[in-house]
N, C-alpha and C. Protein backbone atom coordinates (compact mmCIF):
# COMPACT_ATOMS: atom_id res chain seq x y z
N MET A 1 -23.77 -8.55 -4.40
CA MET A 1 -23.13 -7.38 -3.80
C MET A 1 -24.12 -6.27 -3.82
N SER A 2 -24.41 -5.69 -2.66
CA SER A 2 -25.37 -4.61 -2.55
C SER A 2 -24.69 -3.21 -2.60
N LEU A 3 -25.40 -2.27 -3.05
CA LEU A 3 -24.96 -0.94 -3.09
C LEU A 3 -25.21 -0.30 -1.68
N PRO A 4 -24.41 0.82 -1.46
CA PRO A 4 -24.71 1.41 -0.04
C PRO A 4 -26.05 2.01 0.00
N ASP A 5 -26.72 1.83 1.18
CA ASP A 5 -27.96 2.30 1.45
C ASP A 5 -27.89 3.76 2.10
N SER A 6 -26.90 4.06 2.77
CA SER A 6 -26.95 5.38 3.56
C SER A 6 -25.80 6.30 3.06
N PRO A 7 -25.98 7.53 3.25
CA PRO A 7 -24.90 8.38 2.91
C PRO A 7 -23.52 8.13 3.52
N LEU A 8 -23.56 7.68 4.78
CA LEU A 8 -22.35 7.36 5.53
C LEU A 8 -21.56 6.20 4.86
N GLN A 9 -22.31 5.19 4.31
CA GLN A 9 -21.69 4.16 3.62
C GLN A 9 -21.01 4.75 2.30
N LEU A 10 -21.77 5.54 1.65
CA LEU A 10 -21.17 6.13 0.39
C LEU A 10 -19.93 6.94 0.74
N ILE A 11 -19.98 7.68 1.77
CA ILE A 11 -18.73 8.47 2.20
C ILE A 11 -17.64 7.57 2.53
N GLY A 12 -17.97 6.41 3.22
CA GLY A 12 -16.86 5.53 3.45
C GLY A 12 -16.23 4.93 2.17
N ILE A 13 -16.98 4.56 1.27
CA ILE A 13 -16.50 4.06 -0.07
C ILE A 13 -15.72 5.16 -0.78
N LEU A 14 -16.17 6.39 -0.81
CA LEU A 14 -15.47 7.39 -1.40
C LEU A 14 -14.12 7.68 -0.88
N PHE A 15 -14.13 7.58 0.55
CA PHE A 15 -12.85 7.80 1.29
C PHE A 15 -11.84 6.78 0.93
N LEU A 16 -12.36 5.46 0.86
CA LEU A 16 -11.39 4.36 0.55
C LEU A 16 -10.93 4.52 -0.89
N LEU A 17 -11.80 4.94 -1.91
CA LEU A 17 -11.34 5.12 -3.23
C LEU A 17 -10.30 6.35 -3.33
N SER A 18 -10.50 7.40 -2.46
CA SER A 18 -9.59 8.53 -2.45
C SER A 18 -8.14 8.30 -2.00
N ILE A 19 -8.05 7.25 -0.98
CA ILE A 19 -6.82 6.95 -0.56
C ILE A 19 -6.05 5.83 -1.24
N LEU A 20 -6.86 5.33 -2.23
CA LEU A 20 -6.26 4.22 -3.05
C LEU A 20 -5.00 4.66 -3.80
N PRO A 21 -5.00 5.79 -4.46
CA PRO A 21 -3.71 6.18 -5.20
C PRO A 21 -2.51 6.44 -4.26
N LEU A 22 -2.83 6.89 -2.98
CA LEU A 22 -1.74 7.00 -1.99
C LEU A 22 -1.18 5.60 -1.61
N ALA A 23 -2.09 4.66 -1.47
CA ALA A 23 -1.68 3.28 -1.07
C ALA A 23 -0.80 2.71 -2.20
N ILE A 24 -1.30 2.92 -3.47
CA ILE A 24 -0.61 2.35 -4.66
C ILE A 24 0.83 3.01 -4.69
N VAL A 25 0.93 4.37 -4.55
CA VAL A 25 2.32 4.97 -4.68
C VAL A 25 3.14 4.69 -3.46
N MET A 26 2.67 4.69 -2.39
CA MET A 26 3.57 4.51 -1.20
C MET A 26 3.69 2.99 -0.85
N GLY A 27 2.85 2.19 -1.11
CA GLY A 27 2.93 0.80 -0.77
C GLY A 27 3.57 -0.19 -1.73
N THR A 28 3.87 0.38 -2.91
CA THR A 28 4.45 -0.51 -3.96
C THR A 28 5.82 0.06 -4.37
N SER A 29 6.32 -0.55 -5.41
CA SER A 29 7.58 0.00 -5.98
C SER A 29 7.39 1.02 -6.90
N PHE A 30 6.22 1.54 -7.02
CA PHE A 30 5.91 2.69 -8.06
C PHE A 30 6.77 3.88 -7.86
N LEU A 31 6.95 4.23 -6.61
CA LEU A 31 7.68 5.53 -6.29
C LEU A 31 9.03 5.33 -6.68
N LYS A 32 9.73 4.32 -6.34
CA LYS A 32 11.09 4.08 -6.70
C LYS A 32 11.34 4.07 -8.23
N LEU A 33 10.57 3.37 -8.90
CA LEU A 33 10.56 3.35 -10.39
C LEU A 33 10.40 4.59 -11.01
N ALA A 34 9.47 5.49 -10.60
CA ALA A 34 9.13 6.81 -11.09
C ALA A 34 10.42 7.66 -10.80
N VAL A 35 10.89 7.62 -9.67
CA VAL A 35 12.20 8.47 -9.39
C VAL A 35 13.31 7.99 -10.31
N VAL A 36 13.54 6.75 -10.54
CA VAL A 36 14.68 6.25 -11.28
C VAL A 36 14.47 6.63 -12.73
N PHE A 37 13.20 6.56 -13.24
CA PHE A 37 13.03 7.08 -14.55
C PHE A 37 13.22 8.42 -14.86
N SER A 38 12.84 9.21 -13.85
CA SER A 38 13.00 10.79 -13.86
C SER A 38 14.52 11.02 -13.93
N ILE A 39 15.21 10.33 -12.88
CA ILE A 39 16.71 10.68 -13.04
C ILE A 39 17.35 10.19 -14.30
N LEU A 40 16.91 9.11 -14.81
CA LEU A 40 17.47 8.60 -16.08
C LEU A 40 17.15 9.60 -17.23
N ARG A 41 15.94 10.18 -17.23
CA ARG A 41 15.56 11.15 -18.18
C ARG A 41 16.43 12.32 -18.09
N ASN A 42 16.65 12.83 -16.99
CA ASN A 42 17.62 14.03 -16.66
C ASN A 42 18.92 13.68 -17.10
N ALA A 43 19.48 12.47 -16.75
CA ALA A 43 20.77 12.06 -17.04
C ALA A 43 21.19 11.98 -18.56
N LEU A 44 20.15 11.74 -19.41
CA LEU A 44 20.23 11.74 -20.78
C LEU A 44 20.18 12.98 -21.41
N GLY A 45 19.79 14.07 -20.53
CA GLY A 45 19.66 15.42 -21.05
C GLY A 45 18.51 15.71 -21.90
N ILE A 46 17.49 14.90 -21.77
CA ILE A 46 16.22 15.29 -22.40
C ILE A 46 15.18 15.68 -21.36
N GLN A 47 14.65 16.88 -21.62
CA GLN A 47 13.93 17.40 -20.54
C GLN A 47 12.43 16.88 -20.49
N GLN A 48 11.71 16.80 -21.46
CA GLN A 48 10.30 16.55 -21.42
C GLN A 48 9.93 15.34 -22.45
N VAL A 49 10.90 14.60 -22.80
CA VAL A 49 10.62 13.45 -23.72
C VAL A 49 11.16 12.24 -23.09
N PRO A 50 10.48 11.17 -22.76
CA PRO A 50 9.03 11.07 -22.83
C PRO A 50 8.39 11.85 -21.77
N PRO A 51 7.04 12.14 -21.96
CA PRO A 51 6.27 12.90 -20.94
C PRO A 51 6.13 12.22 -19.59
N ASN A 52 5.93 13.00 -18.68
CA ASN A 52 5.61 12.45 -17.31
C ASN A 52 4.66 11.24 -17.22
N ILE A 53 3.58 11.50 -17.91
CA ILE A 53 2.50 10.52 -17.96
C ILE A 53 2.97 9.24 -18.50
N ALA A 54 3.90 9.21 -19.46
CA ALA A 54 4.39 7.93 -20.11
C ALA A 54 5.34 7.29 -19.02
N LEU A 55 6.08 8.13 -18.35
CA LEU A 55 6.99 7.54 -17.38
C LEU A 55 6.17 6.89 -16.11
N TYR A 56 5.15 7.49 -15.75
CA TYR A 56 4.23 7.08 -14.70
C TYR A 56 3.51 5.79 -15.09
N GLY A 57 3.09 5.76 -16.33
CA GLY A 57 2.42 4.59 -16.86
C GLY A 57 3.25 3.34 -16.88
N LEU A 58 4.61 3.57 -17.30
CA LEU A 58 5.60 2.66 -17.41
C LEU A 58 5.95 2.13 -15.91
N ALA A 59 5.99 3.07 -15.07
CA ALA A 59 6.26 2.71 -13.68
C ALA A 59 5.18 1.89 -13.01
N LEU A 60 3.94 2.21 -13.38
CA LEU A 60 2.74 1.61 -12.86
C LEU A 60 2.72 0.11 -13.49
N VAL A 61 2.96 -0.06 -14.68
CA VAL A 61 3.00 -1.44 -15.32
C VAL A 61 4.07 -2.23 -14.67
N LEU A 62 5.24 -1.71 -14.56
CA LEU A 62 6.34 -2.51 -13.99
C LEU A 62 6.07 -2.78 -12.43
N SER A 63 5.48 -1.89 -11.79
CA SER A 63 4.89 -2.13 -10.23
C SER A 63 4.11 -3.20 -10.16
N LEU A 64 3.05 -3.28 -11.14
CA LEU A 64 2.06 -4.38 -11.07
C LEU A 64 2.91 -5.71 -11.39
N PHE A 65 3.87 -5.64 -12.37
CA PHE A 65 4.60 -6.90 -12.67
C PHE A 65 5.41 -7.36 -11.44
N ILE A 66 6.09 -6.37 -10.77
CA ILE A 66 6.90 -6.73 -9.53
C ILE A 66 5.98 -7.24 -8.41
N MET A 67 4.84 -6.49 -8.26
CA MET A 67 3.97 -6.88 -7.14
C MET A 67 3.03 -7.97 -7.38
N GLY A 68 3.06 -8.50 -8.62
CA GLY A 68 2.16 -9.55 -9.09
C GLY A 68 2.11 -10.73 -8.17
N PRO A 69 3.22 -11.43 -7.89
CA PRO A 69 3.22 -12.62 -7.01
C PRO A 69 2.61 -12.22 -5.63
N THR A 70 3.06 -11.06 -5.12
CA THR A 70 2.48 -10.61 -3.85
C THR A 70 1.03 -10.47 -3.83
N LEU A 71 0.61 -9.71 -4.87
CA LEU A 71 -0.91 -9.44 -5.01
C LEU A 71 -1.71 -10.86 -5.17
N LEU A 72 -1.10 -11.77 -5.92
CA LEU A 72 -1.90 -12.96 -6.05
C LEU A 72 -1.85 -13.80 -4.77
N ALA A 73 -0.77 -13.81 -4.04
CA ALA A 73 -0.76 -14.41 -2.72
C ALA A 73 -1.87 -13.85 -1.68
N VAL A 74 -1.90 -12.54 -1.68
CA VAL A 74 -2.88 -11.83 -0.84
C VAL A 74 -4.31 -12.29 -1.30
N LYS A 75 -4.57 -12.24 -2.59
CA LYS A 75 -5.78 -12.61 -3.15
C LYS A 75 -6.22 -14.05 -2.72
N GLU A 76 -5.29 -14.98 -2.82
CA GLU A 76 -5.53 -16.34 -2.37
C GLU A 76 -5.85 -16.53 -0.93
N ARG A 77 -5.17 -15.70 -0.06
CA ARG A 77 -5.40 -15.80 1.34
C ARG A 77 -6.62 -15.05 1.81
N TRP A 78 -7.11 -14.08 1.05
CA TRP A 78 -8.12 -13.26 1.58
C TRP A 78 -9.44 -14.00 1.64
N HIS A 79 -9.97 -14.07 2.80
CA HIS A 79 -11.28 -14.59 3.13
C HIS A 79 -12.06 -13.61 3.93
N PRO A 80 -12.96 -12.75 3.26
CA PRO A 80 -13.66 -11.83 3.97
C PRO A 80 -14.62 -12.32 5.11
N VAL A 81 -14.44 -11.60 6.23
CA VAL A 81 -15.32 -11.96 7.36
C VAL A 81 -16.41 -10.99 7.35
N GLN A 82 -17.65 -11.56 7.12
CA GLN A 82 -18.83 -10.71 6.93
C GLN A 82 -19.23 -10.08 8.36
N VAL A 83 -19.26 -8.80 8.49
CA VAL A 83 -19.92 -8.18 9.60
C VAL A 83 -21.34 -8.20 9.57
N ALA A 84 -22.03 -8.60 10.67
CA ALA A 84 -23.44 -8.82 10.76
C ALA A 84 -24.20 -7.65 10.23
N GLY A 85 -25.03 -7.68 9.36
CA GLY A 85 -25.93 -6.55 8.93
C GLY A 85 -25.20 -5.60 7.88
N ALA A 86 -23.99 -5.91 7.53
CA ALA A 86 -23.27 -4.98 6.76
C ALA A 86 -23.18 -5.47 5.45
N PRO A 87 -23.09 -4.65 4.25
CA PRO A 87 -22.94 -5.06 2.97
C PRO A 87 -21.53 -5.73 2.72
N PHE A 88 -21.47 -6.47 1.68
CA PHE A 88 -20.19 -7.17 1.34
C PHE A 88 -18.97 -6.33 1.36
N TRP A 89 -19.09 -5.06 0.82
CA TRP A 89 -17.79 -4.33 0.71
C TRP A 89 -17.39 -3.81 2.03
N MET A 90 -18.14 -3.89 3.09
CA MET A 90 -17.65 -3.61 4.43
C MET A 90 -17.06 -4.77 5.27
N SER A 91 -16.79 -5.95 4.55
CA SER A 91 -16.31 -7.06 5.19
C SER A 91 -14.89 -6.79 5.77
N GLU A 92 -14.52 -7.43 6.83
CA GLU A 92 -13.24 -7.23 7.43
C GLU A 92 -12.12 -7.99 6.78
N TRP A 93 -10.92 -7.61 6.73
CA TRP A 93 -9.80 -8.30 6.12
C TRP A 93 -9.40 -9.34 7.23
N ASP A 94 -9.03 -10.55 6.68
CA ASP A 94 -8.46 -11.55 7.48
C ASP A 94 -6.93 -11.13 7.70
N SER A 95 -6.45 -11.12 8.98
CA SER A 95 -5.05 -10.69 9.06
C SER A 95 -4.00 -11.58 8.37
N LYS A 96 -4.26 -12.85 8.11
CA LYS A 96 -3.38 -13.69 7.36
C LYS A 96 -3.19 -13.25 5.91
N ALA A 97 -4.19 -12.56 5.40
CA ALA A 97 -4.21 -12.13 3.95
C ALA A 97 -2.99 -11.10 3.70
N LEU A 98 -2.72 -10.42 4.74
CA LEU A 98 -1.75 -9.32 4.50
C LEU A 98 -0.29 -9.83 4.79
N ALA A 99 -0.10 -11.21 5.13
CA ALA A 99 1.21 -11.79 5.43
C ALA A 99 2.15 -11.66 4.25
N PRO A 100 1.71 -11.97 3.01
CA PRO A 100 2.67 -11.82 1.77
C PRO A 100 3.06 -10.45 1.65
N TYR A 101 2.24 -9.47 1.82
CA TYR A 101 2.67 -8.01 1.69
C TYR A 101 3.51 -7.58 2.77
N ARG A 102 3.30 -8.06 4.04
CA ARG A 102 4.39 -7.86 5.00
C ARG A 102 5.71 -8.34 4.74
N GLN A 103 5.73 -9.52 4.19
CA GLN A 103 7.15 -10.07 3.79
C GLN A 103 7.67 -9.45 2.67
N PHE A 104 6.86 -8.82 1.77
CA PHE A 104 7.41 -8.07 0.59
C PHE A 104 8.04 -6.85 1.33
N LEU A 105 7.26 -6.14 2.08
CA LEU A 105 7.82 -4.89 2.74
C LEU A 105 9.09 -5.15 3.57
N GLN A 106 9.17 -6.17 4.30
CA GLN A 106 10.47 -6.53 5.07
C GLN A 106 11.51 -6.86 4.11
N LYS A 107 11.35 -7.48 3.00
CA LYS A 107 12.41 -7.94 2.05
C LYS A 107 12.93 -6.75 1.35
N ASN A 108 12.03 -5.63 1.18
CA ASN A 108 12.56 -4.57 0.44
C ASN A 108 12.66 -3.23 1.23
N SER A 109 12.89 -3.36 2.50
CA SER A 109 13.21 -2.27 3.37
C SER A 109 14.47 -2.48 4.17
N GLU A 110 15.05 -1.61 4.51
CA GLU A 110 16.20 -1.68 5.41
C GLU A 110 16.00 -1.83 6.88
N GLU A 111 16.60 -2.68 7.57
CA GLU A 111 16.40 -2.86 8.99
C GLU A 111 16.71 -1.58 9.79
N LYS A 112 17.58 -0.90 9.35
CA LYS A 112 18.06 0.46 9.90
C LYS A 112 16.81 1.35 9.96
N GLU A 113 16.16 1.39 8.93
CA GLU A 113 14.92 2.35 8.77
C GLU A 113 13.74 1.80 9.60
N ALA A 114 13.60 0.59 9.64
CA ALA A 114 12.49 -0.04 10.60
C ALA A 114 12.86 0.15 12.09
N ASN A 115 14.15 0.16 12.36
CA ASN A 115 14.54 0.38 13.79
C ASN A 115 14.29 1.94 14.13
N TYR A 116 14.51 2.72 13.16
CA TYR A 116 14.48 4.19 13.40
C TYR A 116 12.90 4.47 13.71
N PHE A 117 12.12 3.88 13.02
CA PHE A 117 10.49 4.16 13.22
C PHE A 117 10.16 3.50 14.54
N ARG A 118 10.71 2.35 14.77
CA ARG A 118 10.42 1.67 16.13
C ARG A 118 10.80 2.54 17.33
N ASN A 119 12.11 3.12 17.14
CA ASN A 119 12.54 3.94 18.21
C ASN A 119 11.80 5.25 18.49
N LEU A 120 11.38 5.74 17.21
CA LEU A 120 10.53 6.98 17.19
C LEU A 120 9.21 6.78 17.87
N ILE A 121 8.63 5.56 17.65
CA ILE A 121 7.38 5.19 18.32
C ILE A 121 7.56 5.19 19.84
N LYS A 122 8.62 4.51 20.23
CA LYS A 122 8.88 4.40 21.74
C LYS A 122 9.01 5.83 22.29
N ARG A 123 9.58 6.72 21.64
CA ARG A 123 9.81 8.12 22.22
C ARG A 123 8.55 8.97 22.14
N THR A 124 7.73 8.77 21.08
CA THR A 124 6.58 9.83 20.95
C THR A 124 5.21 9.22 21.34
N TRP A 125 5.00 8.00 21.17
CA TRP A 125 3.57 7.49 21.37
C TRP A 125 3.37 7.04 22.69
N PRO A 126 1.98 7.12 23.13
CA PRO A 126 1.63 6.70 24.46
C PRO A 126 1.91 5.15 24.61
N GLU A 127 2.18 4.85 25.86
CA GLU A 127 2.64 3.44 26.16
C GLU A 127 1.70 2.38 25.89
N ASP A 128 0.29 2.70 26.01
CA ASP A 128 -0.76 1.64 25.75
C ASP A 128 -0.66 1.27 24.16
N ILE A 129 -0.39 2.36 23.33
CA ILE A 129 -0.35 2.11 21.86
C ILE A 129 0.92 1.52 21.53
N GLN A 130 2.02 1.71 22.16
CA GLN A 130 3.29 1.11 21.94
C GLN A 130 3.18 -0.47 22.12
N ARG A 131 2.45 -0.85 23.06
CA ARG A 131 2.38 -2.29 23.33
C ARG A 131 1.70 -3.06 22.16
N LYS A 132 0.84 -2.28 21.38
CA LYS A 132 0.15 -2.94 20.24
C LYS A 132 1.09 -3.17 19.03
N ILE A 133 2.18 -2.42 19.05
CA ILE A 133 3.09 -2.49 17.91
C ILE A 133 4.09 -3.71 18.07
N ASN A 134 4.12 -4.54 17.07
CA ASN A 134 5.15 -5.60 17.14
C ASN A 134 6.09 -5.40 15.92
N PRO A 135 7.23 -6.17 15.99
CA PRO A 135 8.22 -6.02 14.90
C PRO A 135 7.68 -6.17 13.54
N ASP A 136 6.62 -6.94 13.24
CA ASP A 136 6.28 -7.13 11.81
C ASP A 136 5.00 -6.20 11.57
N SER A 137 4.72 -5.22 12.42
CA SER A 137 3.57 -4.31 12.07
C SER A 137 3.87 -3.45 10.77
N LEU A 138 2.79 -3.21 10.00
CA LEU A 138 2.99 -2.48 8.79
C LEU A 138 3.18 -0.94 9.28
């Protein structure tokens, strides 16, 4: 694995690292668990015990436990496609690798919500982009 040679490659790496927390929070069960733990803490009438960092740590560990089978399935299916002349970290994702993650999202989301966003896309997005969206798009 080679390190980035140009500043643009370094910017790309830093950008991907900066959106990683957002992907973890929004793409896993972390947010649901953190909200449930906060509601539970308030329902018990204890304001700051345990502290937020402990709740978030517990939510992160449980999220990894819940997402474990999905993450392992993605890891098994991931075969990086090397772009000519690009370092390893710039390899493209094989679309089959994300199939377990798509299944996880479909299993844990309501059809009503997915239909809402599909209808919103039909009303607001240009037609050429609408054609690229299929029912199992992330």
